[in-house]
Structure formats: structure tokens, C-alpha cells
């Protein structure tokens, strides 16, 4: 068997020609989209079958009486690239308009995704235009439903990510019964930190949890609670309970990006996943990731056998650091912006513009600040914690380096730390916690 090697390529630093801000082409978020036509719908089903073909014999579908002529608000769990094709396979003839972030337009082109019926947005920003577009779509197209992924990012640890308690308000605003599309097994198939896919059994459950009567009788908070409860999952628990063996020799590769803090010596950012082992390069303690996804210490006690428990311990450590006022991050970064997606006429050229080096920081109150020479002028952009309800991070994005994506309504800034290593998971946890605390302060 040929030995697997992760792909790597150098990060682009600076473009030779950068447009000024008034000349840059931006995606039009005000543009309305129609549900896909018959040919595009057939193409969508075909591509979904193609993407999930290696898993077909191991996919379990549970679909709960979904009426093709009835409008719903579909809410999907977000675990891996298999999320959307799995839902298409579960409901191949349902007319759905999707909500997706702008980076998907860069991956698959603006034109194709607009034909599929996708409303674009930027991640983790409050967007009134998006709400108007969603309302317009279900009013204009009476047989179309809406599909969104409120976590807005792949799950980091195989469990539900932080979601602000606003889903009930959205359901009430749209006046649509709510269906949750819950997937299990697609995370362990290809966790973001590993970058390598294996074939595992996948379960797709599509269930209506809020009907028309409940939409009127329940409060916004009660609706939100039901949605979040149905979205709860734990893919490592699913693996253990279903005795799913992953004997891949690189199953722990990249795990140090997720589990960045050693529970033995409490040192951060010195963890590394290699082969089937997780190693702390500060105290030299090692853990073996077994074929059921559990960690077993090779020397000393096993602090956390279950990976989500280790991850939750890190959350508590970040929360304590914030409460004591000790949290701070800053680094020199490479700045890329994504004003629009990839064009069909420029398939080999993505939509990113490369601006060179800048500086980013997050203070002990949760405020982000980015400075740099962007679009040919010095700029400073500030985000308060109440504005950002999450932080999009990527490990080895496009086979280069770890990065964080932080957006405004007008722009997405993809920032690649130059000296801090394995830090993006902590930044994501901290941003979630600062937003949670900011929400408590305004109530």
C-alpha cells in the first residue's frame, strides 16, 4: 500500500496588482435566487450520489414523513463535506433553497451555486439582507423550503458547536415548521484536523420537531431549546457504540491542532498528532488513539479517554482564563480577502486577493482588531464580541497553513498567523465564550 502523505504548498503572500477598494468586484448579496430547474435538480442528485458513492452501502436513512408539497425550515448539523449530499440523497425530490457562506462560492463558482438555488452570506455576522432574502424566497416560491446550517462551520470535536439562542426567533419570523437533519458518522469519516478521508457507516435522520401548531404555541426560547437538543450528537460516542473500527495508520494525524493543550503539564500549542499517537513535545507524554477513536496514555494515567471530554476541558480552561482577565492574543498575519467567489470563466483562479502582512489581536474583553495595508491603503478593522457570534477557522487551509476567517458585511478577511502555531482552535473557543458573555450582559 502506498504511504499517505498530506499535501502541502506554499502560502501566497502578496499579489502583484491589487485593486483599490472602489474597483474591487463584490458578490451581490441582494440578488434573489430561484429554486433549481429540472436539469440542475437532476445534476444536484447526480453529484450527491457521486460524492457519497464510496459510502452508499453504509448509509442509513431515517426520513420522518416529509411532505414534498409543504414548506419547511430545514436545519442541518454540520460535520463534513458529506453534509449537503447526504441531505440531497435523503430527500432527492424536495425543492430546497440553501443558505451558504461565500467560501463555497469560491470552491464551486458563483454561477453554479446560484443555479443550484443558494443564498450567499458571510459567516458569523448579523445580516438583515439575508433575512429579507430568506423571507422573499419562501413567499415567492410556495413549494420551496429553506435549508441552513446554523453552526456555520464543521464541528471541531464531532459534537454540536456553539449556536446563539436565536433559532426560535428565526422560525417564528419565517413562519415555517422546523425539520432537523441530523448526521452521525460523517465527522469520523473526515475530521477537519486530519485532512484524510476514511469510509465509515453514516446515519442520516430527518425529523420534523416543530409543527405548525407548536410554532404558534411555543415561545422562541422553547423552540430554540428543542432545535438544539435535536442537534446534539457525539460522533466519537457513535463510533464506540456502533463498534466502528478505524484502523488507518494515520488516524491521529493533525489531532494536536484540536487537542492543543496538554492535560498533564498544562502546556499549550506543543501537541502533535503523528500516525496513531498524540504527543506533547514539552513533557514528552504520549497517548495512543485506538481503532475506536479513544485515547490511551502510553505513560502515566489517561486523563481523557474520550476526545470531546478533553476538548470540553480546554473550553473550561479558556473560560477561566477569560474570567481572570488573563486572555490575550496577537500575531503578525498574512491577510487574504474574499470579496467574491470564483468565476466560471476563471476556474483556475480563486476569488482571494492577497495583501501581504498585517497584525491581528484579540484583547481580554474579546475585541478583535486587524491592521494592514488592504486594497492599497492602511486600514484598521475592529469587531466587538457581541458582533461576532463565532469564528471560522481552518486547519491547513487549501493545503497551506492554519487560518482564521473573520468577516464584516462587506468583506471576509482570511488571516494566517505567522509565528503562533496550533492556536486557531483556542481562538475559536475564546470567541464563542466572549459572545456568550456579551449576550448575557445585554439581557
Protein backbone atom coordinates (compact mmCIF):
# COMPACT_ATOMS: atom_id res chain seq x y z
CA UNK A 1 0.00 0.00 0.00
CA UNK A 2 1.28 3.46 -0.95
CA UNK A 3 2.07 5.53 2.13
CA UNK A 4 -0.21 8.56 2.52
CA UNK A 5 1.40 11.99 2.65
CA UNK A 6 -0.53 15.19 3.42
CA UNK A 7 -0.48 17.72 0.60
CA UNK A 8 1.37 20.94 1.31
CA UNK A 9 2.03 24.02 -0.76
CA UNK A 10 3.40 27.50 -0.03
CA UNK A 11 1.08 30.27 1.08
CA UNK A 12 0.68 33.15 -1.37
CA UNK A 13 1.74 36.37 0.38
CA UNK A 14 1.18 39.33 -1.97
CA UNK A 15 -0.42 39.92 -5.36
CA UNK A 16 1.43 41.98 -7.96
CA UNK A 17 -1.67 44.03 -8.74
CA UNK A 18 -4.25 44.80 -6.06
CA UNK A 19 -7.39 46.81 -6.91
CA UNK A 20 -8.41 49.83 -4.88
CA UNK A 21 -11.49 49.37 -2.73
CA UNK A 22 -13.78 51.19 -5.16
CA UNK A 23 -12.65 48.95 -8.03
CA UNK A 24 -12.91 45.56 -6.38
CA UNK A 25 -15.75 43.34 -7.60
CA UNK A 26 -18.01 42.12 -4.80
CA UNK A 27 -20.66 39.44 -4.64
CA UNK A 28 -24.18 40.88 -4.77
CA UNK A 29 -25.88 39.56 -1.63
CA UNK A 30 -29.10 41.40 -2.53
CA UNK A 31 -29.65 39.20 -5.58
CA UNK A 32 -32.63 36.87 -5.27
CA UNK A 33 -32.24 33.23 -6.26
CA UNK A 34 -34.79 30.83 -7.67
CA UNK A 35 -35.07 27.13 -6.78
CA UNK A 36 -33.14 24.89 -9.19
CA UNK A 37 -34.71 23.90 -12.50
CA UNK A 38 -35.29 20.29 -13.50
CA UNK A 39 -31.87 19.79 -15.12
CA UNK A 40 -29.96 21.39 -12.24
CA UNK A 41 -32.01 19.36 -9.76
CA UNK A 42 -31.07 16.20 -11.67
CA UNK A 43 -27.43 17.33 -11.70
CA UNK A 44 -27.60 18.01 -7.95
CA UNK A 45 -28.89 14.47 -7.30
CA UNK A 46 -26.27 13.00 -9.63
CA UNK A 47 -23.40 14.83 -7.91
CA UNK A 48 -24.75 13.90 -4.47
CA UNK A 49 -24.78 10.22 -5.45
CA UNK A 50 -21.28 10.55 -6.90
CA UNK A 51 -19.84 12.21 -3.77
CA UNK A 52 -21.38 9.60 -1.47
CA UNK A 53 -20.76 6.58 -3.71
CA UNK A 54 -17.93 5.13 -1.54
CA UNK A 55 -20.33 5.22 1.45
CA UNK A 56 -23.55 4.03 -0.24
CA UNK A 57 -23.56 0.54 1.25
CA UNK A 58 -23.02 2.00 4.71
CA UNK A 59 -25.55 4.86 4.72
CA UNK A 60 -28.67 4.58 6.87
CA UNK A 61 -31.59 6.92 6.10
CA UNK A 62 -34.40 7.72 8.51
CA UNK A 63 -36.86 10.21 6.97
CA UNK A 64 -39.91 11.19 9.02
CA UNK A 65 -42.95 11.83 6.74
CA UNK A 66 -41.64 14.86 4.87
CA UNK A 67 -44.30 16.28 2.51
CA UNK A 68 -42.81 17.32 -0.85
CA UNK A 69 -45.51 19.98 -1.30
CA UNK A 70 -45.06 21.55 2.12
CA UNK A 71 -42.61 24.29 3.09
CA UNK A 72 -40.15 23.69 5.94
CA UNK A 73 -37.19 25.27 7.62
CA UNK A 74 -34.58 22.51 7.36
CA UNK A 75 -31.75 22.78 9.86
CA UNK A 76 -28.70 20.60 9.29
CA UNK A 77 -25.89 19.51 11.55
CA UNK A 78 -22.51 20.48 10.12
CA UNK A 79 -19.79 17.86 10.30
CA UNK A 80 -18.03 17.43 6.94
CA UNK A 81 -18.24 17.81 3.17
CA UNK A 82 -20.81 14.97 3.17
CA UNK A 83 -23.49 17.06 4.92
CA UNK A 84 -25.20 18.53 1.87
CA UNK A 85 -25.03 15.48 -0.46
CA UNK A 86 -26.34 13.30 2.37
CA UNK A 87 -29.40 15.54 2.76
CA UNK A 88 -29.96 15.60 -1.02
CA UNK A 89 -29.88 11.79 -1.01
CA UNK A 90 -32.36 11.69 1.86
CA UNK A 91 -34.83 14.00 0.07
CA UNK A 92 -33.94 13.84 -3.64
CA UNK A 93 -37.18 15.41 -4.93
CA UNK A 94 -37.67 18.12 -2.34
CA UNK A 95 -37.38 21.68 -3.69
CA UNK A 96 -34.89 23.40 -1.40
CA UNK A 97 -33.16 26.79 -1.39
CA UNK A 98 -29.90 26.62 0.58
CA UNK A 99 -28.06 29.19 2.70
CA UNK A 100 -24.29 29.00 2.25
CA UNK A 101 -21.18 31.03 3.08
CA UNK A 102 -19.24 32.85 0.39
CA UNK A 103 -16.25 30.48 0.58
CA UNK A 104 -18.46 27.78 -1.01
CA UNK A 105 -18.87 30.15 -3.98
CA UNK A 106 -15.10 30.23 -4.19
CA UNK A 107 -14.91 26.43 -4.12
CA UNK A 108 -17.62 25.75 -6.70
CA UNK A 109 -18.11 29.13 -8.52
CA UNK A 110 -20.81 31.76 -8.03
CA UNK A 111 -22.65 30.71 -11.18
CA UNK A 112 -23.07 27.02 -10.36
CA UNK A 113 -24.22 27.57 -6.78
CA UNK A 114 -26.65 30.32 -7.73
CA UNK A 115 -28.19 27.88 -10.25
CA UNK A 116 -28.49 25.25 -7.51
CA UNK A 117 -30.53 27.81 -5.54
CA UNK A 118 -28.11 29.09 -2.92
CA UNK A 119 -28.39 32.36 -1.00
CA UNK A 120 -24.91 33.51 -0.03
CA UNK A 121 -23.80 35.07 3.24
CA UNK A 122 -20.70 35.88 5.23
CA UNK A 123 -20.03 33.83 8.33
CA UNK A 124 -20.96 34.90 11.87
CA UNK A 125 -22.22 38.42 11.14
CA UNK A 126 -25.71 39.81 11.66
CA UNK A 127 -27.20 40.16 8.19
CA UNK A 128 -30.63 41.76 7.61
CA UNK A 129 -30.30 41.31 3.83
CA UNK A 130 -30.07 37.55 4.37
CA UNK A 131 -33.27 37.54 6.41
CA UNK A 132 -35.07 39.53 3.70
CA UNK A 133 -33.83 37.11 1.02
CA UNK A 134 -34.98 34.10 3.02
CA UNK A 135 -38.42 35.62 3.53
CA UNK A 136 -38.66 36.58 -0.13
CA UNK A 137 -37.77 33.06 -1.29
CA UNK A 138 -40.45 31.25 0.68
CA UNK A 139 -43.05 33.89 -0.18
CA UNK A 140 -42.25 33.92 -3.90
CA UNK A 141 -41.79 30.15 -4.32
CA UNK A 142 -44.62 28.48 -2.42
CA UNK A 143 -43.30 24.91 -2.79
CA UNK A 144 -39.71 25.73 -1.79
CA UNK A 145 -38.21 25.10 1.62
CA UNK A 146 -35.12 26.66 3.19
CA UNK A 147 -32.04 24.75 4.35
CA UNK A 148 -29.36 26.20 6.60
CA UNK A 149 -26.52 25.04 8.83
CA UNK A 150 -26.61 27.35 11.89
CA UNK A 151 -23.29 26.07 13.25
CA UNK A 152 -21.77 27.67 10.09
CA UNK A 153 -18.62 25.55 10.40
CA UNK A 154 -17.61 21.94 10.50
CA UNK A 155 -17.76 20.54 14.02
CA UNK A 156 -14.31 20.65 15.58
CA UNK A 157 -14.79 17.73 18.00
CA UNK A 158 -17.68 15.77 16.48
CA UNK A 159 -20.26 17.37 18.79
CA UNK A 160 -22.63 20.31 18.37
CA UNK A 161 -20.84 23.62 18.01
CA UNK A 162 -21.86 26.79 19.83
CA UNK A 163 -25.08 28.29 18.42
CA UNK A 164 -26.60 31.53 19.78
CA UNK A 165 -30.10 31.03 21.19
CA UNK A 166 -31.86 32.66 18.22
CA UNK A 167 -33.20 29.77 16.15
CA UNK A 168 -36.68 30.11 17.66
CA UNK A 169 -36.84 33.74 16.64
CA UNK A 170 -35.87 32.77 13.06
CA UNK A 171 -38.54 30.04 12.87
CA UNK A 172 -41.19 32.47 14.13
CA UNK A 173 -40.06 35.12 11.61
CA UNK A 174 -40.21 32.69 8.68
CA UNK A 175 -43.41 31.01 9.96
CA UNK A 176 -42.14 27.60 8.87
CA UNK A 177 -42.32 24.24 10.69
CA UNK A 178 -38.84 23.04 11.60
CA UNK A 179 -37.11 19.85 10.44
CA UNK A 180 -33.69 18.85 11.77
CA UNK A 181 -31.38 16.86 9.50
CA UNK A 182 -29.01 15.13 11.88
CA UNK A 183 -26.00 13.24 10.59
CA UNK A 184 -23.81 10.85 12.53
CA UNK A 185 -20.63 9.18 11.31
CA UNK A 186 -19.67 11.78 8.72
CA UNK A 187 -17.35 13.53 11.20
CA UNK A 188 -15.22 10.46 11.96
CA UNK A 189 -15.13 9.85 8.20
CA UNK A 190 -13.16 13.06 7.66
CA UNK A 191 -12.47 15.27 10.69
CA UNK A 192 -11.24 18.68 9.62
CA UNK A 193 -7.99 18.40 11.58
CA UNK A 194 -6.89 15.19 9.86
CA UNK A 195 -7.42 16.06 6.21
CA UNK A 196 -7.71 12.41 5.22
CA UNK A 197 -10.93 10.53 4.48
CA UNK A 198 -11.88 7.00 5.51
CA UNK A 199 -15.13 5.13 4.82
CA UNK A 200 -17.41 4.75 7.86
CA UNK A 201 -21.11 3.98 8.36
CA UNK A 202 -23.18 7.18 8.18
CA UNK A 203 -26.65 7.70 9.63
CA UNK A 204 -28.92 10.48 8.31
CA UNK A 205 -32.02 11.26 10.36
CA UNK A 206 -34.58 13.77 9.01
CA UNK A 207 -37.26 14.61 11.57
CA UNK A 208 -39.91 17.30 11.97
CA UNK A 209 -39.59 18.62 15.50
CA UNK A 210 -41.75 21.78 15.37
CA UNK A 211 -45.10 21.60 13.55
CA UNK A 212 -47.42 24.50 12.68
CA UNK A 213 -49.34 24.30 15.96
CA UNK A 214 -46.15 24.24 18.06
CA UNK A 215 -44.76 27.14 16.04
CA UNK A 216 -47.64 29.26 17.33
CA UNK A 217 -47.93 27.88 20.85
CA UNK A 218 -44.26 27.62 21.91
CA UNK A 219 -42.06 30.57 22.86
CA UNK A 220 -38.93 31.46 20.90
CA UNK A 221 -36.73 30.04 23.66
CA UNK A 222 -38.73 26.79 23.79
CA UNK A 223 -38.36 26.36 20.03
CA UNK A 224 -34.63 27.07 20.23
CA UNK A 225 -34.21 24.54 23.03
CA UNK A 226 -35.97 21.80 21.03
CA UNK A 227 -33.83 22.52 17.97
CA UNK A 228 -30.54 22.50 19.89
CA UNK A 229 -31.49 19.32 21.75
CA UNK A 230 -32.24 17.51 18.47
CA UNK A 231 -28.93 18.72 17.02
CA UNK A 232 -26.91 17.31 19.92
CA UNK A 233 -24.60 14.47 18.88
CA UNK A 234 -21.22 12.95 19.63
CA UNK A 235 -19.56 11.19 16.72
CA UNK A 236 -16.89 9.53 18.88
CA UNK A 237 -19.66 8.09 21.08
CA UNK A 238 -21.45 6.98 17.90
CA UNK A 239 -18.24 5.25 16.77
CA UNK A 240 -17.83 3.46 20.09
CA UNK A 241 -21.47 2.36 20.41
CA UNK A 242 -21.54 1.02 16.85
CA UNK A 243 -18.11 -0.64 17.12
CA UNK A 244 -16.80 1.24 14.08
CA UNK A 245 -13.18 0.21 13.57
CA UNK A 246 -10.86 2.78 12.01
CA UNK A 247 -7.54 1.02 11.54
CA UNK A 248 -5.99 3.74 9.38
CA UNK A 249 -2.28 4.14 10.31
CA UNK A 250 -2.63 7.96 10.18
CA UNK A 251 -5.85 8.25 12.21
CA UNK A 252 -4.27 10.65 14.76
CA UNK A 253 -2.55 12.85 12.18
CA UNK A 254 -3.28 16.52 12.96
CA UNK A 255 -5.04 15.77 16.28
CA UNK A 256 -2.70 18.21 18.05
CA UNK A 257 -4.47 21.04 16.24
CA UNK A 258 -7.71 20.13 18.04
CA UNK A 259 -6.24 19.00 21.38
CA UNK A 260 -3.74 21.82 21.69
CA UNK A 261 -3.29 21.80 25.50
CA UNK A 262 -1.61 19.02 27.45
CA UNK A 263 -3.69 17.93 30.48
CA UNK A 264 -0.54 16.56 32.14
CA UNK A 265 1.80 19.58 32.08
CA UNK A 266 -0.83 22.22 31.07
CA UNK A 267 1.39 23.49 28.25
CA UNK A 268 -0.37 24.91 25.18
CA UNK A 269 0.45 24.53 21.48
CA UNK A 270 3.11 21.82 21.90
CA UNK A 271 0.85 18.90 20.96
CA UNK A 272 1.31 16.91 17.76
CA UNK A 273 -0.65 14.06 16.21
CA UNK A 274 1.55 11.65 14.27
CA UNK A 275 0.45 8.28 12.92
CA UNK A 276 -1.71 6.80 15.70
CA UNK A 277 -0.10 8.83 18.51
CA UNK A 278 -0.70 12.20 20.17
CA UNK A 279 2.49 13.63 21.66
CA UNK A 280 3.25 16.55 23.98
CA UNK A 281 6.64 17.90 22.96
CA UNK A 282 7.00 19.75 26.27
CA UNK A 283 6.64 16.91 28.81
CA UNK A 284 7.06 14.03 26.28
CA UNK A 285 3.84 12.34 27.37
CA UNK A 286 2.20 10.21 24.66
CA UNK A 287 -1.28 8.85 24.00
CA UNK A 288 -2.35 6.17 21.54
CA UNK A 289 -5.54 6.74 19.52
CA UNK A 290 -7.05 3.27 19.28
CA UNK A 291 -9.24 1.89 16.49
CA UNK A 292 -12.42 3.02 18.28
CA UNK A 293 -11.27 6.65 18.47
CA UNK A 294 -10.32 6.55 22.16
CA UNK A 295 -7.09 7.87 23.69
CA UNK A 296 -4.96 5.71 25.97
CA UNK A 297 -1.87 7.14 27.68
CA UNK A 298 1.33 5.23 26.95
CA UNK A 299 2.94 6.55 30.11
CA UNK A 300 1.08 7.60 33.27
CA UNK A 301 -2.66 7.99 33.72
CA UNK A 302 -5.15 8.53 30.89
CA UNK A 303 -6.63 11.92 31.76
CA UNK A 304 -9.26 11.93 28.99
CA UNK A 305 -10.08 8.78 27.08
CA UNK A 306 -12.95 10.44 25.21
CA UNK A 307 -11.73 13.18 22.83
CA UNK A 308 -14.76 15.51 23.36
CA UNK A 309 -14.06 15.41 27.12
CA UNK A 310 -10.51 16.65 26.51
CA UNK A 311 -11.95 19.33 24.20
CA UNK A 312 -14.52 20.41 26.82
CA UNK A 313 -11.72 20.67 29.41
CA UNK A 314 -9.97 23.08 27.04
CA UNK A 315 -13.20 25.13 26.82
CA UNK A 316 -13.27 25.42 30.61
CA UNK A 317 -9.62 26.43 30.68
CA UNK A 318 -10.29 29.21 28.14
CA UNK A 319 -13.37 30.33 30.09
CA UNK A 320 -11.34 30.53 33.31
CA UNK A 321 -8.56 32.46 31.58
CA UNK A 322 -11.14 34.97 30.33
CA UNK A 323 -12.83 35.30 33.73
CA UNK A 324 -9.46 36.08 35.34
CA UNK A 325 -8.71 38.72 32.70
CA UNK A 326 -5.59 36.87 31.53
CA UNK A 327 -6.63 36.14 27.95
CA UNK A 328 -4.80 37.87 25.09
CA UNK A 329 -3.74 37.01 21.57
CA UNK A 330 -1.79 38.85 18.91
CA UNK A 331 0.39 37.90 15.97
CA UNK A 332 1.72 39.01 12.63
CA UNK A 333 -0.53 37.55 9.91
CA UNK A 334 -0.74 37.15 6.17
CA UNK A 335 -4.01 38.76 5.01
CA UNK A 336 -6.19 37.44 2.19
CA UNK A 337 -9.62 38.88 1.38
CA UNK A 338 -12.54 37.21 -0.38
CA UNK A 339 -14.81 39.91 -1.85
CA UNK A 340 -16.50 37.50 -4.25
CA UNK A 341 -16.35 33.85 -5.26
CA UNK A 342 -14.66 32.11 -8.14
CA UNK A 343 -15.99 32.94 -11.60
CA UNK A 344 -16.99 30.25 -14.09
CA UNK A 345 -14.72 31.98 -16.63
CA UNK A 346 -11.74 31.74 -14.25
CA UNK A 347 -11.94 28.19 -12.92
CA UNK A 348 -8.21 28.05 -12.20
CA UNK A 349 -8.14 31.37 -10.33
CA UNK A 350 -9.88 31.66 -6.98
CA UNK A 351 -11.50 34.80 -5.63
CA UNK A 352 -8.89 35.58 -2.97
CA UNK A 353 -6.87 38.79 -3.08
CA UNK A 354 -3.50 38.64 -1.29
CA UNK A 355 -2.48 41.77 0.64
CA UNK A 356 0.78 40.84 2.35
CA UNK A 357 1.42 41.11 6.08
CA UNK A 358 -0.66 42.72 8.82
CA UNK A 359 -1.30 42.43 12.54
CA UNK A 360 -4.24 40.90 14.40
CA UNK A 361 -5.14 40.87 18.09
CA UNK A 362 -7.92 39.87 20.46
CA UNK A 363 -7.85 41.58 23.85
CA UNK A 364 -9.07 40.37 27.23
CA UNK A 365 -12.53 41.83 26.55
CA UNK A 366 -12.91 39.82 23.34
CA UNK A 367 -12.43 42.69 20.89
CA UNK A 368 -10.69 41.76 17.64
CA UNK A 369 -8.51 44.29 15.79
CA UNK A 370 -6.92 43.81 12.37
CA UNK A 371 -4.49 46.30 10.85
CA UNK A 372 -2.80 46.12 7.48
CA UNK A 373 -2.32 47.66 4.04
CA UNK A 374 -5.52 46.38 2.42
CA UNK A 375 -6.76 47.46 -1.01
CA UNK A 376 -3.80 49.84 -1.28
CA UNK A 377 -4.48 51.78 1.91
CA UNK A 378 -3.76 51.39 5.61
CA UNK A 379 -6.81 50.02 7.38
CA UNK A 380 -7.89 49.13 10.90
CA UNK A 381 -10.95 46.90 11.38
CA UNK A 382 -12.47 46.27 14.82
CA UNK A 383 -15.00 43.63 15.88
CA UNK A 384 -16.73 43.80 19.27
CA UNK A 385 -17.66 40.44 20.87
CA UNK A 386 -21.42 40.98 20.50
CA UNK A 387 -20.98 41.47 16.74
CA UNK A 388 -19.29 38.11 16.12
CA UNK A 389 -21.23 35.01 17.17
CA UNK A 390 -18.40 32.71 16.12
CA UNK A 391 -15.05 32.43 14.40
CA UNK A 392 -14.49 30.34 11.29
CA UNK A 393 -11.17 28.51 11.43
CA UNK A 394 -9.44 26.13 9.05
CA UNK A 395 -6.58 23.72 9.58
CA UNK A 396 -4.02 23.72 6.75
CA UNK A 397 -6.47 25.62 4.56
CA UNK A 398 -6.11 24.70 0.88
CA UNK A 399 -3.08 22.61 1.96
CA UNK A 400 -1.15 25.67 3.24
CA UNK A 401 -1.43 26.88 6.87
CA UNK A 402 -3.95 27.21 9.69
CA UNK A 403 -6.07 30.32 9.35
CA UNK A 404 -8.98 32.25 10.80
CA UNK A 405 -11.73 33.85 8.73
CA UNK A 406 -13.26 36.96 10.29
CA UNK A 407 -15.88 38.94 8.39
CA UNK A 408 -17.83 42.15 8.12
CA UNK A 409 -20.96 42.53 5.98
CA UNK A 410 -18.80 43.82 3.12
CA UNK A 411 -15.68 41.65 3.37
CA UNK A 412 -14.13 38.40 4.60
CA UNK A 413 -10.58 38.56 5.98
CA UNK A 414 -8.63 35.29 5.95
CA UNK A 415 -5.70 35.69 8.33
CA UNK A 416 -2.79 33.25 8.57
CA UNK A 417 -0.75 33.54 11.82
CA UNK A 418 2.98 33.60 11.07
CA UNK A 419 4.52 32.75 14.45
CA UNK A 420 1.71 31.29 16.61
CA UNK A 421 1.22 27.58 15.90
CA UNK A 422 -1.79 25.35 16.67
CA UNK A 423 -3.58 28.41 18.06
CA UNK A 424 -6.75 28.65 15.94
CA UNK A 425 -8.81 26.18 17.99
CA UNK A 426 -8.28 28.27 21.12
CA UNK A 427 -9.22 31.44 19.22
CA UNK A 428 -12.49 29.81 18.16
CA UNK A 429 -13.30 28.74 21.72
CA UNK A 430 -12.47 32.20 23.09
CA UNK A 431 -14.64 34.00 20.52
CA UNK A 432 -17.59 31.74 21.35
CA UNK A 433 -17.16 32.43 25.06
CA UNK A 434 -16.82 36.20 24.63
CA UNK A 435 -20.00 36.27 22.53
CA UNK A 436 -21.88 34.18 25.11
CA UNK A 437 -20.84 36.56 27.88
CA UNK A 438 -21.72 39.62 25.80
CA UNK A 439 -25.21 38.19 25.24
CA UNK A 440 -25.65 37.70 28.97
CA UNK A 441 -24.70 41.34 29.57
CA UNK A 442 -27.39 42.68 27.23
CA UNK A 443 -30.22 40.55 28.69
